[in-house]
Amino acid sequence: MTNQISKPRTLTLFIVISLYVFYTPLLLAQKNEIRNNHLKIKVAAAQILTDYDIENNEKKISNAIKEAHDAGCEIIIFHEGCLTGYPDENEIKNIDFSKVRAAERRICSLSKKYKIAILLGSTSEEDGRYYNYVLIANEDGNVLGLYNKTWRAGERYYEAGEGPVIFTVAGVDATVIICHDLRYPELARLGVAAGAKIIFISNNESGVTHENKLLGYRSMQIARATENMVYAVMSNSPADPKDVTRRNCSHGNSKIVDPLGNIIDEATSFEERLVVGIIDLDKANRTTVLRTMGEDEGSKNFYGVECENITYKKWVMDGLKLVHRLDGKNIPKYLMNIEDLD
């Protein structure tokens, strides 16, 4: 009797295993095909108020990452200097960079835990030199690298960065710039020429009392999206309702912009919240950039020439040589092996 029961069970188990072995690769291939077609992804820009308290900043950052994960987001970006504060030349000397490095490792480890890519604004000190950067970890917990702010906004104590970057997070190529970089549109343009469909912007701009600057900031963020026909995702520090004139905070208005300049979501000046949007990557067609490279088929068919301006094409193609791909091969030693924290 026992043998009669076990044989059907064995047969059923064999069929289940066979179906699993046969269909799983097909389902994974189908999922990868959908992913490669770039359909849609959900992104978040964290607008949180931080200061020079690294431990408290880390808690707020970690909470925002979990909240973004719970909301189904695949990428989250934080504002310039989010972890460390945005110091002046005296305050930067008081930062405990051993705490910063440890916090960065813990934050990066959350990318693997929550399967979410993280772009974190931070500061470092290496051999007596200071750097203002965005740290990028992909959704698998791999640190891809640092983007150092290329164009400084008067901070002589920071080192200048080395120009545009491109990297892959959540299956899509992207680029990132920091605050004052907005005024140099070639940084974003060359990143898009290299393949980026999202321009991430990590800001900590002038405060709400500098009203004469606010329209310019807003227009530049929208322009970077529309002039390149891609998405722009910007995180900025909110204003401090207890002290609107204090340093190390900004005017908020974190936003997500589509390729036509429409605002998908935007925070107000004092809000602390996630700005969230679904990005349809098919709409990030990069046509204006491809046209300058002689790679836009629509323009070729309409005008009947490969490229309307060969001199400009040469300028763009030469500029592509300046774009660095962040792929995890050149990162600080303290950011290696973050999986050890699991």
Protein backbone atom coordinates (compact mmCIF):
# COMPACT_ATOMS: atom_id res chain seq x y z
CA MET A 1 0.00 0.00 0.00
CA THR A 2 2.83 2.36 0.87
CA ASN A 3 4.56 1.68 -2.44
CA GLN A 4 1.34 2.37 -4.37
CA ILE A 5 1.05 5.83 -2.78
CA SER A 6 4.72 6.75 -3.12
CA LYS A 7 4.90 6.03 -6.88
CA PRO A 8 2.25 8.64 -7.87
CA ARG A 9 3.87 11.13 -5.52
CA THR A 10 7.26 10.44 -7.06
CA LEU A 11 5.81 10.87 -10.55
CA THR A 12 4.12 14.14 -9.57
CA LEU A 13 7.34 15.44 -8.04
CA PHE A 14 9.24 14.47 -11.19
CA ILE A 15 6.74 16.34 -13.39
CA VAL A 16 6.87 19.46 -11.19
CA ILE A 17 10.67 19.52 -11.21
CA SER A 18 10.75 18.95 -14.98
CA LEU A 19 8.33 21.81 -15.60
CA TYR A 20 10.33 24.07 -13.30
CA VAL A 21 13.60 23.24 -15.05
CA PHE A 22 12.04 23.70 -18.49
CA TYR A 23 9.99 26.85 -17.95
CA THR A 24 12.15 28.84 -15.53
CA PRO A 25 14.78 29.78 -18.14
CA LEU A 26 11.99 30.78 -20.53
CA LEU A 27 10.33 32.99 -17.92
CA LEU A 28 13.66 34.57 -16.98
CA ALA A 29 14.44 35.17 -20.64
CA GLN A 30 11.04 36.79 -21.11
CA LYS A 31 11.62 38.99 -18.05
CA ASN A 32 15.05 39.99 -19.33
CA GLU A 33 13.59 40.77 -22.77
CA ILE A 34 11.01 43.05 -21.16
CA ARG A 35 13.77 44.62 -19.09
CA ASN A 36 15.96 45.17 -22.13
CA ASN A 37 13.07 46.88 -23.89
CA HIS A 38 13.26 49.34 -21.02
CA LEU A 39 9.54 49.66 -20.46
CA LYS A 40 9.08 51.55 -17.20
CA ILE A 41 10.91 52.01 -13.91
CA LYS A 42 9.98 53.81 -10.72
CA VAL A 43 12.43 56.31 -9.25
CA ALA A 44 12.60 58.48 -6.14
CA ALA A 45 14.31 61.74 -5.24
CA ALA A 46 14.63 62.09 -1.47
CA GLN A 47 14.01 65.56 -0.10
CA ILE A 48 15.21 65.36 3.50
CA LEU A 49 16.69 67.97 5.83
CA THR A 50 20.17 67.06 7.09
CA ASP A 51 22.97 68.89 8.89
CA TYR A 52 26.41 68.01 10.30
CA ASP A 53 25.14 65.16 12.52
CA ILE A 54 26.33 62.17 10.50
CA GLU A 55 24.59 59.57 12.66
CA ASN A 56 21.22 61.29 12.43
CA ASN A 57 21.71 61.91 8.71
CA GLU A 58 22.41 58.22 8.17
CA LYS A 59 19.18 57.28 9.95
CA LYS A 60 17.13 59.62 7.77
CA ILE A 61 18.85 58.33 4.63
CA SER A 62 18.31 54.69 5.61
CA ASN A 63 14.64 55.33 6.38
CA ALA A 64 14.19 57.01 3.00
CA ILE A 65 15.77 54.04 1.22
CA LYS A 66 13.42 51.61 2.94
CA GLU A 67 10.44 53.85 2.17
CA ALA A 68 11.47 54.00 -1.50
CA HIS A 69 11.80 50.21 -1.58
CA ASP A 70 8.36 49.78 0.00
CA ALA A 71 6.96 52.12 -2.67
CA GLY A 72 8.40 49.91 -5.41
CA CYS A 73 11.19 52.28 -6.48
CA GLU A 74 14.26 50.92 -8.23
CA ILE A 75 16.52 53.97 -7.86
CA ILE A 76 16.81 56.71 -5.23
CA ILE A 77 18.91 59.88 -5.30
CA PHE A 78 19.85 62.16 -2.39
CA HIS A 79 20.92 65.80 -2.41
CA GLU A 80 24.45 67.21 -2.48
CA GLY A 81 26.25 66.70 0.84
CA CYS A 82 23.27 64.79 2.24
CA LEU A 83 25.31 62.51 4.50
CA THR A 84 27.94 65.00 5.67
CA GLY A 85 26.26 68.36 5.36
CA TYR A 86 27.53 71.02 2.95
CA PRO A 87 30.44 72.51 4.95
CA ASP A 88 32.40 75.71 4.55
CA GLU A 89 36.20 75.73 4.68
CA ASN A 90 36.22 75.75 8.50
CA GLU A 91 33.43 73.23 9.12
CA ILE A 92 34.92 70.68 6.75
CA LYS A 93 37.92 70.33 9.08
CA ASN A 94 35.60 69.18 11.89
CA ILE A 95 34.09 66.27 9.96
CA ASP A 96 35.04 62.84 11.26
CA PHE A 97 35.69 61.11 7.94
CA SER A 98 36.13 57.70 9.57
CA LYS A 99 32.45 57.98 10.54
CA VAL A 100 31.59 59.09 7.01
CA ARG A 101 33.34 56.11 5.43
CA ALA A 102 31.65 53.65 7.81
CA ALA A 103 28.25 55.23 7.18
CA GLU A 104 28.74 55.10 3.41
CA ARG A 105 29.50 51.39 3.61
CA ARG A 106 26.36 50.71 5.64
CA ILE A 107 24.20 52.79 3.32
CA CYS A 108 25.61 51.08 0.24
CA SER A 109 24.88 47.68 1.79
CA LEU A 110 21.18 48.64 1.80
CA SER A 111 21.22 48.63 -1.99
CA LYS A 112 21.61 44.86 -1.95
CA LYS A 113 19.20 44.37 0.95
CA TYR A 114 16.41 46.35 -0.70
CA LYS A 115 17.37 45.74 -4.34
CA ILE A 116 17.51 49.46 -5.04
CA ALA A 117 20.18 51.61 -6.67
CA ILE A 118 21.42 54.46 -4.47
CA LEU A 119 22.93 57.81 -5.48
CA LEU A 120 24.22 59.49 -2.33
CA GLY A 121 25.60 63.01 -1.93
CA SER A 122 28.62 62.98 0.39
CA THR A 123 32.08 64.41 1.11
CA SER A 124 35.49 62.79 1.56
CA GLU A 125 39.03 63.63 2.56
CA GLU A 126 41.93 61.87 0.90
CA ASP A 127 45.54 62.86 1.65
CA GLY A 128 44.48 66.29 2.83
CA ARG A 129 42.27 66.96 -0.19
CA TYR A 130 38.49 67.30 -0.03
CA TYR A 131 35.96 66.04 -2.56
CA ASN A 132 32.27 66.79 -3.12
CA TYR A 133 30.66 63.83 -4.87
CA VAL A 134 27.76 61.50 -5.50
CA LEU A 135 28.42 57.88 -4.56
CA ILE A 136 26.68 55.33 -6.80
CA ALA A 137 25.75 51.77 -5.81
CA ASN A 138 23.62 49.59 -8.07
CA GLU A 139 20.67 47.45 -7.06
CA ASP A 140 22.89 44.38 -6.60
CA GLY A 141 24.95 46.05 -3.89
CA ASN A 142 27.92 46.83 -6.11
CA VAL A 143 29.56 50.23 -5.71
CA LEU A 144 30.07 51.59 -9.23
CA GLY A 145 32.08 54.66 -8.32
CA LEU A 146 32.04 58.34 -7.40
CA TYR A 147 31.15 61.35 -9.49
CA ASN A 148 33.14 64.33 -8.24
CA LYS A 149 31.52 67.72 -8.84
CA THR A 150 33.17 69.11 -11.96
CA TRP A 151 32.46 72.82 -11.56
CA ARG A 152 32.82 74.24 -8.06
CA ALA A 153 30.61 77.09 -6.84
CA GLY A 154 33.42 79.06 -5.19
CA GLU A 155 34.61 76.38 -2.74
CA ARG A 156 38.38 76.51 -3.12
CA TYR A 157 38.78 73.79 -0.48
CA TYR A 158 37.16 71.20 -2.78
CA GLU A 159 39.04 69.55 -5.62
CA ALA A 160 37.56 69.90 -9.12
CA GLY A 161 36.11 66.80 -10.75
CA GLU A 162 37.07 65.28 -14.08
CA GLY A 163 33.95 65.71 -16.21
CA PRO A 164 30.94 63.67 -17.35
CA VAL A 165 30.18 60.09 -16.34
CA ILE A 166 27.86 57.28 -17.36
CA PHE A 167 26.79 54.22 -15.37
CA THR A 168 24.12 51.54 -15.39
CA VAL A 169 21.53 51.23 -12.62
CA ALA A 170 18.24 49.30 -12.69
CA GLY A 171 19.08 48.21 -16.23
CA VAL A 172 19.31 51.72 -17.69
CA ASP A 173 22.25 53.94 -18.54
CA ALA A 174 22.29 57.23 -16.64
CA THR A 175 24.49 60.21 -15.85
CA VAL A 176 24.68 62.51 -12.81
CA ILE A 177 25.68 66.11 -12.18
CA ILE A 178 25.91 68.17 -8.98
CA CYS A 179 24.31 71.57 -8.39
CA HIS A 180 26.52 74.25 -10.04
CA ASP A 181 27.21 71.73 -12.85
CA LEU A 182 23.72 72.64 -14.10
CA ARG A 183 25.19 75.81 -15.59
CA TYR A 184 27.46 73.76 -17.87
CA PRO A 185 25.01 71.84 -20.08
CA GLU A 186 27.71 69.98 -22.00
CA LEU A 187 28.20 67.74 -18.93
CA ALA A 188 24.67 66.38 -19.30
CA ARG A 189 24.78 66.46 -23.12
CA LEU A 190 27.89 64.30 -23.33
CA GLY A 191 26.50 61.85 -20.78
CA VAL A 192 23.40 61.46 -22.94
CA ALA A 193 25.54 61.17 -26.08
CA ALA A 194 27.23 58.22 -24.35
CA GLY A 195 23.82 56.58 -23.87
CA ALA A 196 22.22 58.01 -20.72
CA LYS A 197 18.42 58.12 -20.63
CA ILE A 198 18.22 59.74 -17.19
CA ILE A 199 20.08 62.80 -15.93
CA PHE A 200 20.28 62.66 -12.14
CA ILE A 201 20.87 66.00 -10.43
CA SER A 202 22.08 66.21 -6.82
CA ASN A 203 21.61 69.77 -5.54
CA ASN A 204 22.04 71.94 -2.48
CA GLU A 205 21.32 75.36 -3.95
CA SER A 206 20.77 78.82 -2.50
CA GLY A 207 18.08 79.13 0.17
CA VAL A 208 14.53 80.43 -0.09
CA THR A 209 15.64 83.99 0.70
CA HIS A 210 17.56 84.15 -2.61
CA GLU A 211 14.38 84.53 -4.64
CA ASN A 212 16.24 86.05 -7.58
CA LYS A 213 17.91 82.66 -8.24
CA LEU A 214 14.94 80.33 -7.91
CA LEU A 215 13.52 80.68 -11.42
CA GLY A 216 16.93 80.07 -12.94
CA TYR A 217 17.41 76.87 -10.96
CA ARG A 218 13.99 75.61 -11.98
CA SER A 219 14.46 76.42 -15.66
CA MET A 220 17.89 74.76 -15.83
CA GLN A 221 16.57 71.52 -14.36
CA ILE A 222 13.77 71.42 -16.91
CA ALA A 223 16.11 72.45 -19.73
CA ARG A 224 18.54 69.60 -19.09
CA ALA A 225 15.67 67.16 -19.75
CA THR A 226 14.07 68.85 -22.75
CA GLU A 227 17.25 69.79 -24.61
CA ASN A 228 18.41 66.16 -24.44
CA MET A 229 14.99 64.47 -24.74
CA VAL A 230 15.54 62.35 -21.60
CA TYR A 231 14.31 62.39 -17.99
CA ALA A 232 15.78 64.57 -15.25
CA VAL A 233 15.53 63.49 -11.60
CA MET A 234 16.61 66.16 -9.11
CA SER A 235 17.04 65.94 -5.34
CA ASN A 236 17.50 69.15 -3.36
CA SER A 237 17.63 69.94 0.35
CA PRO A 238 14.45 71.53 1.71
CA ALA A 239 14.41 74.84 3.54
CA ASP A 240 14.60 74.73 7.33
CA PRO A 241 11.28 76.08 8.73
CA LYS A 242 13.05 76.93 12.00
CA ASP A 243 15.75 79.01 10.33
CA VAL A 244 15.28 79.92 6.67
CA THR A 245 18.63 81.73 6.55
CA ARG A 246 20.87 78.95 7.89
CA ARG A 247 23.64 77.36 5.84
CA ASN A 248 23.55 73.77 4.68
CA CYS A 249 20.00 73.76 3.39
CA SER A 250 18.27 74.99 0.26
CA HIS A 251 14.81 75.74 -1.14
CA GLY A 252 13.47 72.24 -1.87
CA ASN A 253 11.41 71.82 -5.06
CA SER A 254 12.95 68.40 -5.78
CA LYS A 255 11.37 67.20 -8.99
CA ILE A 256 11.13 64.62 -11.75
CA VAL A 257 10.87 66.02 -15.30
CA ASP A 258 9.88 64.13 -18.44
CA PRO A 259 11.58 64.61 -21.86
CA LEU A 260 9.04 67.28 -22.87
CA GLY A 261 9.58 69.33 -19.73
CA ASN A 262 6.47 68.22 -17.87
CA ILE A 263 6.75 67.84 -14.09
CA ILE A 264 5.85 64.31 -12.97
CA ASP A 265 6.19 65.10 -9.25
CA GLU A 266 7.62 67.99 -7.28
CA ALA A 267 8.00 68.78 -3.59
CA THR A 268 7.43 72.21 -2.08
CA SER A 269 10.13 74.24 -0.34
CA PHE A 270 9.69 72.91 3.21
CA GLU A 271 8.45 69.36 2.64
CA GLU A 272 10.44 66.34 3.72
CA ARG A 273 9.26 63.50 1.51
CA LEU A 274 10.06 61.26 -1.43
CA VAL A 275 9.40 62.69 -4.87
CA VAL A 276 8.34 59.64 -6.87
CA GLY A 277 7.66 59.03 -10.53
CA ILE A 278 7.31 56.27 -13.10
CA ILE A 279 9.70 56.74 -15.99
CA ASP A 280 8.74 55.43 -19.43
CA LEU A 281 12.14 54.91 -20.99
CA ASP A 282 10.71 54.53 -24.49
CA LYS A 283 10.01 58.28 -24.32
CA ALA A 284 13.63 59.04 -23.48
CA ASN A 285 14.60 58.81 -27.14
CA ARG A 286 17.64 61.15 -27.03
CA THR A 287 16.71 62.40 -30.54
CA THR A 288 18.22 65.88 -30.21
CA VAL A 289 21.54 64.38 -29.16
CA LEU A 290 21.48 61.58 -31.71
CA ARG A 291 20.81 64.17 -34.40
CA THR A 292 24.06 66.00 -33.58
CA MET A 293 25.86 62.68 -33.89
CA GLY A 294 24.32 61.81 -37.24
CA GLU A 295 22.48 58.86 -35.70
CA ASP A 296 18.85 60.05 -35.78
CA GLU A 297 17.12 58.11 -38.52
CA GLY A 298 14.17 60.53 -38.65
CA SER A 299 16.44 63.46 -39.49
CA LYS A 300 18.36 61.40 -42.05
CA ASN A 301 15.17 60.45 -43.85
CA PHE A 302 13.72 63.98 -43.70
CA TYR A 303 16.80 65.95 -44.76
CA GLY A 304 18.43 63.27 -46.89
CA VAL A 305 21.89 63.69 -45.34
CA GLU A 306 23.77 61.68 -42.73
CA CYS A 307 24.40 64.75 -40.57
CA GLU A 308 23.47 68.39 -41.11
CA ASN A 309 26.57 69.75 -39.39
CA ILE A 310 29.70 67.63 -39.66
CA THR A 311 31.79 70.11 -37.67
CA TYR A 312 29.38 69.96 -34.74
CA LYS A 313 29.26 66.17 -34.99
CA LYS A 314 33.05 66.06 -34.71
CA TRP A 315 32.90 68.27 -31.60
CA VAL A 316 30.40 65.91 -29.95
CA MET A 317 32.31 62.77 -30.92
CA ASP A 318 35.54 64.25 -29.57
CA GLY A 319 33.68 65.15 -26.37
CA LEU A 320 32.61 61.54 -25.92
CA LYS A 321 36.24 60.73 -25.13
CA LEU A 322 35.82 62.73 -21.91
CA VAL A 323 32.99 60.55 -20.58
CA HIS A 324 34.05 58.12 -17.85
CA ARG A 325 32.11 54.88 -17.34
CA LEU A 326 31.67 54.03 -13.67
CA ASP A 327 31.78 50.25 -13.46
CA GLY A 328 33.20 49.49 -10.01
CA LYS A 329 36.78 48.99 -11.22
CA ASN A 330 38.13 52.19 -9.70
CA ILE A 331 36.66 52.83 -6.26
CA PRO A 332 38.18 53.66 -2.86
CA LYS A 333 39.31 50.62 -0.89
CA TYR A 334 36.90 51.29 1.97
CA LEU A 335 33.98 50.80 -0.44
CA MET A 336 35.09 47.35 -1.52
CA ASN A 337 33.39 44.20 -0.22
CA ILE A 338 30.39 45.91 1.36
CA GLU A 339 28.67 42.53 1.28
CA ASP A 340 30.77 41.73 4.36
CA LEU A 341 28.27 43.84 6.32
CA ASP A 342 25.41 41.43 5.57
